Amino acid sequence: MTELTELTLAEARDRLRAKDISAVELAQAHGAAMEKARALNAYVLETPERAIEMAKTSDARIAKGEAGPLEGIPLAVKDLFATKGVRTTACSHILDNFVPTYESTVTSQLWRDGAVLLGKTNNDEFAMGSSNETSFFGPVISPWRRDGANTELVPGGSSGGSAAAVAAQLCLGATGTDTGGSIRQPAAFTGTVGIKPTYGRCSRWGIVAFASSLDQAGPFTKTVRDAAIMLRSMAGPDAKDTTCADLPVPDYEAAVGKSVKGLRIGIPKEYRLDGMPAEIEKIWQQGCEWLKSAGAELVDVSLPHTKYALPAYYIVAPAEASSNLARYDGVRYGLRAPGRDITEMYENTRSEGFGAEVRRRVMIGTYVLSAGYYDAYYLRAQKVRTLIKRDFEACFEQGVHAMLTPATPSAAFGIGEKGGADPVEMYLNDVFTVTVNMAGLPGLAVPAGRDGQGLPLGLQLIGRPFDEETLFSLGAVVEREAGRFTPKVWW
């Protein structure tokens, strides 16, 4: 049944509808693959019984001609999405054994459309990290290896479990969340496709909050077409989320393969960083040539406030995290550490329940929001954010349809190689992605080649608000020219 796990989501959908395969067979094949790949630590919870039951229901619907858009498709869900009756911990000790009594809007729409739950994937604790090393359940190990080496590599973060599961063919697609690059960066590190939609395109209701004005859900898949299919089910208005846009969801799949002739693609000069590896520059240039050959017009653009994006992000995001994580106090749910009084109970619960990176960000956030520092730090960062957004708007007003940039400043690095003594070293991994979140724009990461050690490298396409369709059209061009990349099985 190995060949079933090699299918793309679109191929599996078509074969299920043609009754060449059954949803139960598909679920069983992926369950067997998951058992063999536990060394990757991609899943923190497997739900094989639920998967088979959901697959049986899908087979019955297919037999009746009532198949939904994702009928019988086995998916993984990042452990940040509340799943009714299935443990959801945000990969934090403070949410030990928390079982929601409700379903997130995004996952409820996936189940509505017939998808099958394989399990919950590992992520950085409360989505705070760029390598998936801060999870209470331990780091995720990338299915990729450098040529001729056995060094364990990170899959990127925070959605590393979802990226690794898709890359290792342990699911046909997976959900992720992106606050500063947590879908696009791991997608680039693992040779998968990942899209962060426009802020408000997908509901945040039922997703454990990190930074509410930046968080956005999106899919990981093997191909651009698969991402378009999955996003259509995930997106849409939601009365339970006031920041969710009340806009119709286009047929994203129809945009895949559409001509890009005449589209103006901006190449921002500020993304050419000092000391950027030659391999990143080369693949960026190659992407430009591919789009140009497909009929797109390349134009140089300037985003002058890009250099302030990373420091501004690391003020805004921790500030919102400090506020959002105040609810974890040991009173209502999750871990409760004893204390002599309620104040000591709060202190003990939070110090024991939160990991080092979460504590660091909560402390930073509390500091920048405190009296005397709010104006100096938080308010100024919000003003910078407005300027970053205006930079993009100015380019789009000049007729630019999308922008092409690198997705990451390097290929995947080894576990433990970065961020030990200096957490800022880890934060720099988000240098190409945070601007997109600060401006609320859609961003698509597509595999575009490999480095000299055989590791995947990705390119990022940044689009106009609610114009994910153009990104899918452009991403399909890059994908067609670059091909697909899959790791050699070593696990």
Protein backbone atom coordinates (compact mmCIF):
# COMPACT_ATOMS: atom_id res chain seq x y z
CA MET A 1 0.00 0.00 0.00
CA THR A 2 3.08 2.25 -0.09
CA GLU A 3 2.08 3.71 -3.44
CA LEU A 4 -1.09 5.19 -1.93
CA THR A 5 0.98 7.50 0.28
CA GLU A 6 2.84 8.75 -2.80
CA LEU A 7 -0.33 10.17 -4.35
CA THR A 8 -0.96 13.89 -4.39
CA LEU A 9 -4.17 15.13 -2.81
CA ALA A 10 -5.66 15.81 -6.27
CA GLU A 11 -4.70 12.34 -7.54
CA ALA A 12 -6.19 10.66 -4.47
CA ARG A 13 -9.39 12.70 -4.81
CA ASP A 14 -9.81 11.66 -8.43
CA ARG A 15 -9.08 7.99 -7.73
CA LEU A 16 -11.51 7.95 -4.81
CA ARG A 17 -14.25 9.42 -6.98
CA ALA A 18 -13.49 6.87 -9.70
CA LYS A 19 -13.69 4.15 -6.99
CA ASP A 20 -10.21 2.87 -7.93
CA ILE A 21 -9.32 3.00 -4.24
CA SER A 22 -11.28 3.32 -1.03
CA ALA A 23 -10.96 5.90 1.71
CA VAL A 24 -10.34 3.10 4.22
CA GLU A 25 -7.40 1.79 2.15
CA LEU A 26 -6.00 5.31 1.95
CA ALA A 27 -6.32 5.84 5.71
CA GLN A 28 -4.76 2.46 6.47
CA ALA A 29 -1.81 3.12 4.15
CA HIS A 30 -1.05 6.41 5.86
CA GLY A 31 -1.53 4.85 9.31
CA ALA A 32 1.08 2.23 8.46
CA ALA A 33 3.46 4.92 7.20
CA MET A 34 2.99 6.89 10.42
CA GLU A 35 3.91 3.86 12.53
CA LYS A 36 7.17 3.41 10.63
CA ALA A 37 8.09 7.09 10.85
CA ARG A 38 7.72 7.76 14.57
CA ALA A 39 11.44 8.57 14.75
CA LEU A 40 10.54 11.90 13.08
CA ASN A 41 8.28 12.88 16.01
CA ALA A 42 6.01 14.62 13.49
CA TYR A 43 2.81 13.56 15.28
CA VAL A 44 2.11 14.13 18.97
CA LEU A 45 -1.15 12.18 18.79
CA GLU A 46 -2.30 9.58 16.27
CA THR A 47 -6.02 8.88 15.83
CA PRO A 48 -6.17 5.62 13.81
CA GLU A 49 -9.59 4.47 15.05
CA ARG A 50 -11.17 7.83 14.30
CA ALA A 51 -9.50 7.87 10.88
CA ILE A 52 -10.98 4.50 9.93
CA GLU A 53 -14.46 5.50 11.11
CA MET A 54 -14.31 8.76 9.17
CA ALA A 55 -12.99 6.89 6.11
CA LYS A 56 -15.88 4.41 6.28
CA THR A 57 -18.32 7.31 6.34
CA SER A 58 -16.55 8.81 3.32
CA ASP A 59 -16.74 5.55 1.39
CA ALA A 60 -20.48 5.42 2.06
CA ARG A 61 -20.92 9.00 0.80
CA ILE A 62 -18.88 8.27 -2.32
CA ALA A 63 -20.99 5.20 -3.00
CA LYS A 64 -24.14 7.35 -2.79
CA GLY A 65 -22.68 10.03 -5.06
CA GLU A 66 -22.61 12.54 -2.20
CA ALA A 67 -18.84 13.10 -2.01
CA GLY A 68 -17.59 16.41 -0.66
CA PRO A 69 -14.61 18.29 -2.11
CA LEU A 70 -12.17 16.51 0.24
CA GLU A 71 -14.09 13.26 0.66
CA GLY A 72 -11.86 10.53 2.07
CA ILE A 73 -8.67 12.63 2.03
CA PRO A 74 -6.46 11.85 5.07
CA LEU A 75 -5.11 15.03 6.68
CA ALA A 76 -3.01 15.97 9.70
CA VAL A 77 -3.87 18.88 12.00
CA LYS A 78 -1.39 21.10 13.82
CA ASP A 79 -1.85 20.75 17.57
CA LEU A 80 -2.88 24.40 17.76
CA PHE A 81 -6.35 23.70 16.30
CA ALA A 82 -9.05 22.68 18.75
CA THR A 83 -10.45 19.26 17.77
CA LYS A 84 -13.58 18.19 19.62
CA GLY A 85 -12.94 15.12 21.76
CA VAL A 86 -9.29 14.94 20.65
CA ARG A 87 -6.47 16.20 22.87
CA THR A 88 -5.20 19.66 21.95
CA THR A 89 -2.19 20.99 23.87
CA ALA A 90 -0.45 23.62 21.66
CA CYS A 91 2.53 21.34 22.52
CA SER A 92 2.78 22.97 25.95
CA HIS A 93 2.99 21.36 29.38
CA ILE A 94 0.49 23.93 30.67
CA LEU A 95 -2.25 22.40 28.48
CA ASP A 96 -1.52 18.80 29.46
CA ASN A 97 -4.39 16.49 28.50
CA PHE A 98 -6.74 19.33 27.51
CA VAL A 99 -9.58 17.86 25.43
CA PRO A 100 -11.75 20.53 23.78
CA THR A 101 -15.53 20.26 23.78
CA TYR A 102 -15.65 22.27 20.55
CA GLU A 103 -14.14 22.22 17.05
CA SER A 104 -12.16 25.01 15.40
CA THR A 105 -13.90 26.59 12.41
CA VAL A 106 -11.12 25.60 9.99
CA THR A 107 -11.12 21.93 10.97
CA SER A 108 -14.92 21.77 11.10
CA GLN A 109 -14.95 22.93 7.48
CA LEU A 110 -12.43 20.25 6.52
CA TRP A 111 -14.60 17.55 8.12
CA ARG A 112 -17.69 19.10 6.51
CA ASP A 113 -16.02 18.59 3.14
CA GLY A 114 -15.21 14.95 3.90
CA ALA A 115 -11.59 15.01 5.09
CA VAL A 116 -10.27 12.32 7.44
CA LEU A 117 -8.27 13.09 10.63
CA LEU A 118 -5.02 11.10 10.95
CA GLY A 119 -3.76 12.86 14.06
CA LYS A 120 -2.31 16.02 15.62
CA THR A 121 1.10 17.25 14.52
CA ASN A 122 3.95 18.61 16.60
CA ASN A 123 4.69 22.34 16.74
CA ASP A 124 6.80 24.82 18.68
CA GLU A 125 5.16 25.53 22.04
CA PHE A 126 2.29 27.98 21.43
CA ALA A 127 3.76 28.37 17.91
CA MET A 128 6.74 30.29 19.32
CA GLY A 129 9.80 29.20 17.38
CA SER A 130 11.43 28.86 13.97
CA SER A 131 12.74 25.29 14.18
CA ASN A 132 10.21 23.14 16.09
CA GLU A 133 12.68 22.64 18.94
CA THR A 134 10.59 24.29 21.68
CA SER A 135 7.77 21.70 21.80
CA PHE A 136 7.07 20.05 25.16
CA PHE A 137 7.00 16.76 23.21
CA GLY A 138 10.52 17.24 21.89
CA PRO A 139 11.83 18.43 18.52
CA VAL A 140 10.58 17.28 15.15
CA ILE A 141 13.30 15.73 13.00
CA SER A 142 13.23 16.60 9.32
CA PRO A 143 12.88 13.70 6.87
CA TRP A 144 15.70 15.36 4.89
CA ARG A 145 19.43 14.72 5.30
CA ARG A 146 22.43 16.51 3.86
CA ASP A 147 24.09 14.46 1.15
CA GLY A 148 26.48 11.99 2.73
CA ALA A 149 25.70 13.08 6.30
CA ASN A 150 23.48 11.87 9.14
CA THR A 151 23.10 15.16 11.00
CA GLU A 152 19.56 15.54 12.30
CA LEU A 153 18.03 18.64 10.73
CA VAL A 154 15.15 20.87 11.83
CA PRO A 155 12.01 20.95 9.65
CA GLY A 156 11.49 24.65 10.42
CA GLY A 157 8.88 26.07 12.72
CA SER A 158 6.52 26.56 14.25
CA SER A 159 4.50 24.17 12.04
CA GLY A 160 7.38 21.71 11.69
CA GLY A 161 5.34 18.60 12.42
CA SER A 162 2.87 19.38 9.65
CA ALA A 163 5.67 20.15 7.16
CA ALA A 164 7.58 16.99 8.06
CA ALA A 165 4.43 14.84 7.86
CA VAL A 166 3.65 16.08 4.34
CA ALA A 167 7.29 15.79 3.17
CA ALA A 168 7.60 12.24 4.56
CA GLN A 169 4.28 11.25 2.94
CA LEU A 170 2.55 10.62 6.28
CA CYS A 171 -0.56 12.54 5.13
CA LEU A 172 -1.88 14.12 1.93
CA GLY A 173 -2.04 17.58 3.48
CA ALA A 174 -1.83 19.28 6.85
CA THR A 175 -2.98 22.47 8.54
CA GLY A 176 -0.53 25.03 9.85
CA THR A 177 -0.57 28.52 11.31
CA ASP A 178 1.66 31.41 10.29
CA THR A 179 2.38 34.34 12.61
CA GLY A 180 5.76 35.44 11.23
CA GLY A 181 6.55 32.71 8.70
CA SER A 182 5.54 29.51 10.47
CA ILE A 183 4.02 27.97 7.33
CA ARG A 184 6.30 29.36 4.63
CA GLN A 185 9.64 28.77 6.38
CA PRO A 186 9.05 25.05 7.20
CA ALA A 187 7.58 24.53 3.73
CA ALA A 188 10.81 25.89 2.23
CA PHE A 189 12.94 23.74 4.55
CA THR A 190 11.09 20.52 3.67
CA GLY A 191 10.40 20.89 -0.04
CA THR A 192 6.64 21.26 0.43
CA VAL A 193 4.13 23.93 -0.60
CA GLY A 194 2.76 26.23 2.09
CA ILE A 195 0.52 29.27 1.89
CA LYS A 196 -0.29 31.93 4.45
CA PRO A 197 -3.53 33.46 3.16
CA THR A 198 -4.52 37.10 3.59
CA TYR A 199 -5.24 37.97 7.22
CA GLY A 200 -8.96 37.29 7.68
CA ARG A 201 -9.28 34.79 4.83
CA CYS A 202 -9.47 31.88 7.29
CA SER A 203 -11.21 32.00 10.64
CA ARG A 204 -9.02 32.02 13.77
CA TRP A 205 -11.87 30.74 15.97
CA GLY A 206 -10.80 27.63 17.85
CA ILE A 207 -7.09 28.11 17.13
CA VAL A 208 -4.90 28.60 20.20
CA ALA A 209 -3.85 32.25 19.97
CA PHE A 210 -0.26 33.47 19.80
CA ALA A 211 -0.48 37.00 18.33
CA SER A 212 -4.05 37.70 17.28
CA SER A 213 -3.36 40.44 14.73
CA LEU A 214 -0.76 38.29 12.95
CA ASP A 215 -1.95 34.65 13.22
CA GLN A 216 -3.42 33.05 10.11
CA ALA A 217 -4.21 29.42 9.24
CA GLY A 218 -3.13 27.81 5.99
CA PRO A 219 -2.31 24.43 4.41
CA PHE A 220 0.83 22.38 3.73
CA THR A 221 0.65 20.12 0.68
CA LYS A 222 2.81 18.30 -1.84
CA THR A 223 1.83 20.52 -4.78
CA VAL A 224 0.45 23.97 -5.58
CA ARG A 225 -2.77 22.41 -6.90
CA ASP A 226 -3.24 20.52 -3.63
CA ALA A 227 -2.77 23.74 -1.65
CA ALA A 228 -5.42 25.45 -3.78
CA ILE A 229 -7.87 22.60 -3.19
CA MET A 230 -7.29 22.51 0.56
CA LEU A 231 -7.40 26.28 1.07
CA ARG A 232 -10.81 26.50 -0.56
CA SER A 233 -12.22 24.27 2.19
CA MET A 234 -10.33 26.06 4.99
CA ALA A 235 -11.27 29.61 3.96
CA GLY A 236 -14.52 31.53 4.27
CA PRO A 237 -16.45 33.90 6.53
CA ASP A 238 -17.20 33.02 10.13
CA ALA A 239 -19.62 34.86 12.42
CA LYS A 240 -17.64 33.63 15.43
CA ASP A 241 -14.52 35.55 14.32
CA THR A 242 -15.03 39.29 13.87
CA THR A 243 -11.68 39.64 12.06
CA CYS A 244 -12.66 37.04 9.46
CA ALA A 245 -13.48 38.63 6.10
CA ASP A 246 -17.04 38.30 4.86
CA LEU A 247 -15.98 37.56 1.28
CA PRO A 248 -16.78 34.70 -1.10
CA VAL A 249 -14.07 32.05 -1.54
CA PRO A 250 -12.89 31.70 -5.15
CA ASP A 251 -12.24 28.40 -6.92
CA TYR A 252 -8.52 28.49 -6.27
CA GLU A 253 -7.86 25.30 -8.21
CA ALA A 254 -9.06 27.01 -11.41
CA ALA A 255 -6.15 29.47 -11.06
CA VAL A 256 -3.54 26.69 -11.21
CA GLY A 257 -2.19 26.52 -14.75
CA LYS A 258 -3.69 29.88 -15.69
CA SER A 259 -1.49 32.08 -17.89
CA VAL A 260 0.71 34.60 -16.09
CA LYS A 261 1.42 36.58 -19.23
CA GLY A 262 1.36 40.31 -18.60
CA LEU A 263 1.56 40.04 -14.79
CA ARG A 264 4.01 42.51 -13.25
CA ILE A 265 6.24 40.87 -10.64
CA GLY A 266 8.08 43.10 -8.19
CA ILE A 267 11.62 42.24 -7.11
CA PRO A 268 12.27 44.14 -3.85
CA LYS A 269 15.86 45.35 -3.59
CA GLU A 270 15.76 45.33 0.22
CA TYR A 271 15.61 41.50 0.20
CA ARG A 272 19.19 41.35 -1.15
CA LEU A 273 20.88 41.07 2.22
CA ASP A 274 24.57 41.45 2.94
CA GLY A 275 26.14 38.02 3.27
CA MET A 276 23.20 36.20 1.70
CA PRO A 277 24.39 32.77 0.46
CA ALA A 278 25.13 32.64 -3.26
CA GLU A 279 22.80 29.64 -3.58
CA ILE A 280 19.84 31.71 -2.36
CA GLU A 281 20.68 34.50 -4.79
CA LYS A 282 21.06 31.99 -7.64
CA ILE A 283 17.71 30.32 -7.03
CA TRP A 284 16.01 33.72 -6.73
CA GLN A 285 17.45 34.71 -10.10
CA GLN A 286 16.37 31.38 -11.55
CA GLY A 287 12.81 32.02 -10.34
CA CYS A 288 12.87 35.41 -12.04
CA GLU A 289 13.89 33.79 -15.32
CA TRP A 290 11.13 31.17 -15.07
CA LEU A 291 8.43 33.79 -14.56
CA LYS A 292 9.88 35.97 -17.29
CA SER A 293 9.87 33.02 -19.73
CA ALA A 294 6.22 32.39 -18.84
CA GLY A 295 5.32 35.92 -19.95
CA ALA A 296 5.48 37.86 -16.69
CA GLU A 297 7.16 41.24 -16.53
CA LEU A 298 9.79 41.77 -13.83
CA VAL A 299 10.12 45.19 -12.21
CA ASP A 300 12.46 46.40 -9.48
CA VAL A 301 10.59 47.75 -6.46
CA SER A 302 11.53 49.24 -3.12
CA LEU A 303 10.11 48.40 0.30
CA PRO A 304 12.18 50.89 2.33
CA HIS A 305 10.86 49.98 5.77
CA THR A 306 11.67 46.26 5.42
CA LYS A 307 14.79 46.68 7.60
CA TYR A 308 12.56 47.60 10.54
CA ALA A 309 10.16 44.66 10.11
CA LEU A 310 11.97 42.09 12.22
CA PRO A 311 12.54 44.28 15.31
CA ALA A 312 8.99 45.65 15.06
CA TYR A 313 7.59 42.13 14.77
CA TYR A 314 9.48 40.98 17.86
CA ILE A 315 7.78 43.77 19.82
CA VAL A 316 4.24 43.37 18.48
CA ALA A 317 4.12 39.55 18.58
CA PRO A 318 5.41 39.13 22.19
CA ALA A 319 3.12 41.94 23.37
CA GLU A 320 0.07 40.15 21.99
CA ALA A 321 1.37 36.82 23.29
CA SER A 322 1.72 38.28 26.78
CA SER A 323 -1.92 39.29 26.67
CA ASN A 324 -3.21 36.07 25.09
CA LEU A 325 -1.30 33.73 27.40
CA ALA A 326 -2.55 35.46 30.54
CA ARG A 327 -5.54 33.08 30.41
CA TYR A 328 -3.34 30.09 31.33
CA ASP A 329 -3.43 30.39 35.07
CA GLY A 330 -4.19 26.87 36.35
CA VAL A 331 -7.74 27.76 37.39
CA ARG A 332 -10.01 26.58 34.59
CA TYR A 333 -8.13 23.93 32.61
CA GLY A 334 -4.71 22.44 32.01
CA LEU A 335 -1.85 22.17 34.49
CA ARG A 336 -2.29 23.41 38.05
CA ALA A 337 0.76 23.61 40.30
CA PRO A 338 -0.05 23.90 44.03
CA GLY A 339 0.77 27.02 46.06
CA ARG A 340 0.13 28.47 49.50
CA ASP A 341 -2.27 31.02 48.01
CA ILE A 342 -3.74 31.88 44.63
CA THR A 343 -0.85 34.19 43.69
CA GLU A 344 1.73 31.49 44.35
CA MET A 345 -0.44 28.98 42.49
CA TYR A 346 -0.43 31.30 39.44
CA GLU A 347 3.33 31.73 39.67
CA ASN A 348 4.08 28.05 40.08
CA THR A 349 1.68 26.98 37.34
CA ARG A 350 3.07 29.42 34.78
CA SER A 351 6.74 28.87 35.63
CA GLU A 352 6.32 25.09 35.50
CA GLY A 353 3.88 25.03 32.57
CA PHE A 354 5.63 27.36 30.12
CA GLY A 355 8.89 26.50 28.40
CA ALA A 356 11.89 28.83 28.18
CA GLU A 357 11.02 30.44 24.83
CA VAL A 358 7.42 31.12 25.86
CA ARG A 359 8.54 32.63 29.15
CA ARG A 360 11.04 34.80 27.28
CA ARG A 361 8.39 36.17 24.91
CA VAL A 362 5.84 36.73 27.68
CA MET A 363 8.44 38.71 29.64
CA ILE A 364 9.38 40.80 26.57
CA GLY A 365 5.71 41.42 25.80
CA THR A 366 4.86 42.42 29.35
CA TYR A 367 7.84 44.78 29.40
CA VAL A 368 6.97 46.62 26.15
CA LEU A 369 3.35 47.04 27.31
CA SER A 370 4.27 48.32 30.75
CA ALA A 371 3.88 51.91 31.93
CA GLY A 372 6.71 54.08 30.67
CA TYR A 373 7.65 51.75 27.82
CA TYR A 374 4.38 51.41 25.88
CA ASP A 375 4.97 54.58 23.85
CA ALA A 376 8.68 53.96 23.39
CA TYR A 377 8.33 50.41 22.10
CA TYR A 378 4.85 49.06 21.34
CA LEU A 379 3.31 52.23 19.93
CA ARG A 380 6.38 52.91 17.81
CA ALA A 381 6.38 49.34 16.49
CA GLN A 382 2.74 49.72 15.44
CA LYS A 383 3.63 52.93 13.56
CA VAL A 384 6.43 51.05 11.77
CA ARG A 385 3.94 48.34 10.92
CA THR A 386 1.74 50.92 9.20
CA LEU A 387 4.72 52.13 7.17
CA ILE A 388 5.55 48.57 6.11
CA LYS A 389 1.96 48.10 4.92
CA ARG A 390 2.10 51.38 3.01
CA ASP A 391 5.29 50.26 1.23
CA PHE A 392 3.44 47.28 -0.21
CA GLU A 393 0.36 49.35 -1.05
CA ALA A 394 2.47 51.84 -3.00
CA CYS A 395 3.91 49.01 -5.12
CA PHE A 396 0.50 47.48 -5.80
CA GLU A 397 -0.91 50.90 -6.72
CA GLN A 398 1.82 51.14 -9.35
CA GLY A 399 0.50 48.03 -11.07
CA VAL A 400 2.56 45.30 -9.41
CA HIS A 401 0.51 42.09 -9.16
CA ALA A 402 2.84 40.10 -6.88
CA MET A 403 6.40 39.99 -5.58
CA LEU A 404 9.06 37.27 -5.74
CA THR A 405 11.56 36.86 -2.90
CA PRO A 406 13.56 34.10 -1.20
CA ALA A 407 11.57 32.24 1.45
CA THR A 408 14.45 31.70 3.88
CA PRO A 409 18.02 32.99 4.28
CA SER A 410 19.42 29.43 4.21
CA ALA A 411 18.51 25.77 3.88
CA ALA A 412 17.53 23.74 6.96
CA PHE A 413 20.09 23.73 9.78
CA GLY A 414 20.94 21.08 12.33
CA ILE A 415 19.05 20.53 15.57
CA GLY A 416 20.75 22.56 18.29
CA GLU A 417 22.85 24.61 15.87
CA LYS A 418 21.09 27.94 16.37
CA GLY A 419 19.55 30.00 19.13
CA GLY A 420 21.26 28.34 22.11
CA ALA A 421 23.15 31.25 23.64
CA ASP A 422 21.63 33.91 21.41
CA PRO A 423 17.90 33.61 20.61
CA VAL A 424 18.18 36.52 18.14
CA GLU A 425 20.16 34.20 15.85
CA MET A 426 17.03 32.04 15.58
CA TYR A 427 14.75 35.04 15.10
CA LEU A 428 16.73 36.07 12.00
CA ASN A 429 15.32 33.04 10.16
CA ASP A 430 12.08 35.02 9.77
CA VAL A 431 13.74 37.94 7.98
CA PHE A 432 12.01 37.30 4.62
CA THR A 433 8.61 36.32 5.98
CA VAL A 434 7.59 38.69 8.81
CA THR A 435 6.78 41.63 6.52
CA VAL A 436 3.92 39.64 5.00
CA ASN A 437 2.29 39.12 8.40
CA MET A 438 2.88 42.72 9.46
CA ALA A 439 1.07 43.88 6.31
CA GLY A 440 -1.64 41.17 6.45
CA LEU A 441 -0.84 39.96 2.92
CA PRO A 442 -0.92 36.46 1.39
CA GLY A 443 2.38 34.63 0.91
CA LEU A 444 3.10 31.34 -0.87
CA ALA A 445 6.27 29.26 -0.46
CA VAL A 446 7.10 26.93 -3.35
CA PRO A 447 10.05 24.49 -3.66
CA ALA A 448 12.44 25.92 -6.25
CA GLY A 449 15.63 23.87 -6.07
CA ARG A 450 18.29 22.40 -3.80
CA ASP A 451 21.50 23.66 -2.27
CA GLY A 452 24.93 22.13 -2.72
CA GLN A 453 24.20 19.58 0.02
CA GLY A 454 20.97 18.40 -1.56
CA LEU A 455 18.59 20.24 0.77
CA PRO A 456 15.43 21.98 -0.52
CA LEU A 457 15.29 25.74 -1.05
CA GLY A 458 12.07 27.68 -1.55
CA LEU A 459 10.90 30.89 -3.15
CA GLN A 460 8.19 33.15 -1.73
CA LEU A 461 5.47 34.87 -3.71
CA ILE A 462 3.75 37.81 -1.98
CA GLY A 463 0.35 38.92 -3.29
CA ARG A 464 -2.21 41.67 -3.03
CA PRO A 465 -4.87 41.36 -0.29
CA PHE A 466 -7.30 38.50 -0.99
CA ASP A 467 -5.60 37.69 -4.30
CA GLU A 468 -4.35 34.22 -3.50
CA GLU A 469 -5.42 33.15 -7.00
CA THR A 470 -2.55 35.05 -8.63
CA LEU A 471 -0.10 33.40 -6.24
CA PHE A 472 -1.36 29.95 -7.21
CA SER A 473 -0.97 30.80 -10.92
CA LEU A 474 2.58 32.04 -10.40
CA GLY A 475 3.47 29.25 -7.99
CA ALA A 476 2.42 26.65 -10.55
CA VAL A 477 4.99 28.12 -12.99
CA VAL A 478 7.82 27.81 -10.45
CA GLU A 479 6.70 24.29 -9.55
CA ARG A 480 6.53 23.19 -13.17
CA GLU A 481 10.07 24.40 -13.86
CA ALA A 482 11.67 23.30 -10.59
CA GLY A 483 9.93 19.94 -10.20
CA ARG A 484 9.04 18.22 -6.94
CA PHE A 485 11.46 17.15 -4.23
CA THR A 486 11.04 14.18 -1.90
CA PRO A 487 13.52 12.97 0.72
CA LYS A 488 15.13 9.52 0.65
CA VAL A 489 13.61 7.27 3.30
CA TRP A 490 16.05 6.72 6.17
CA TRP A 491 13.62 6.37 9.05
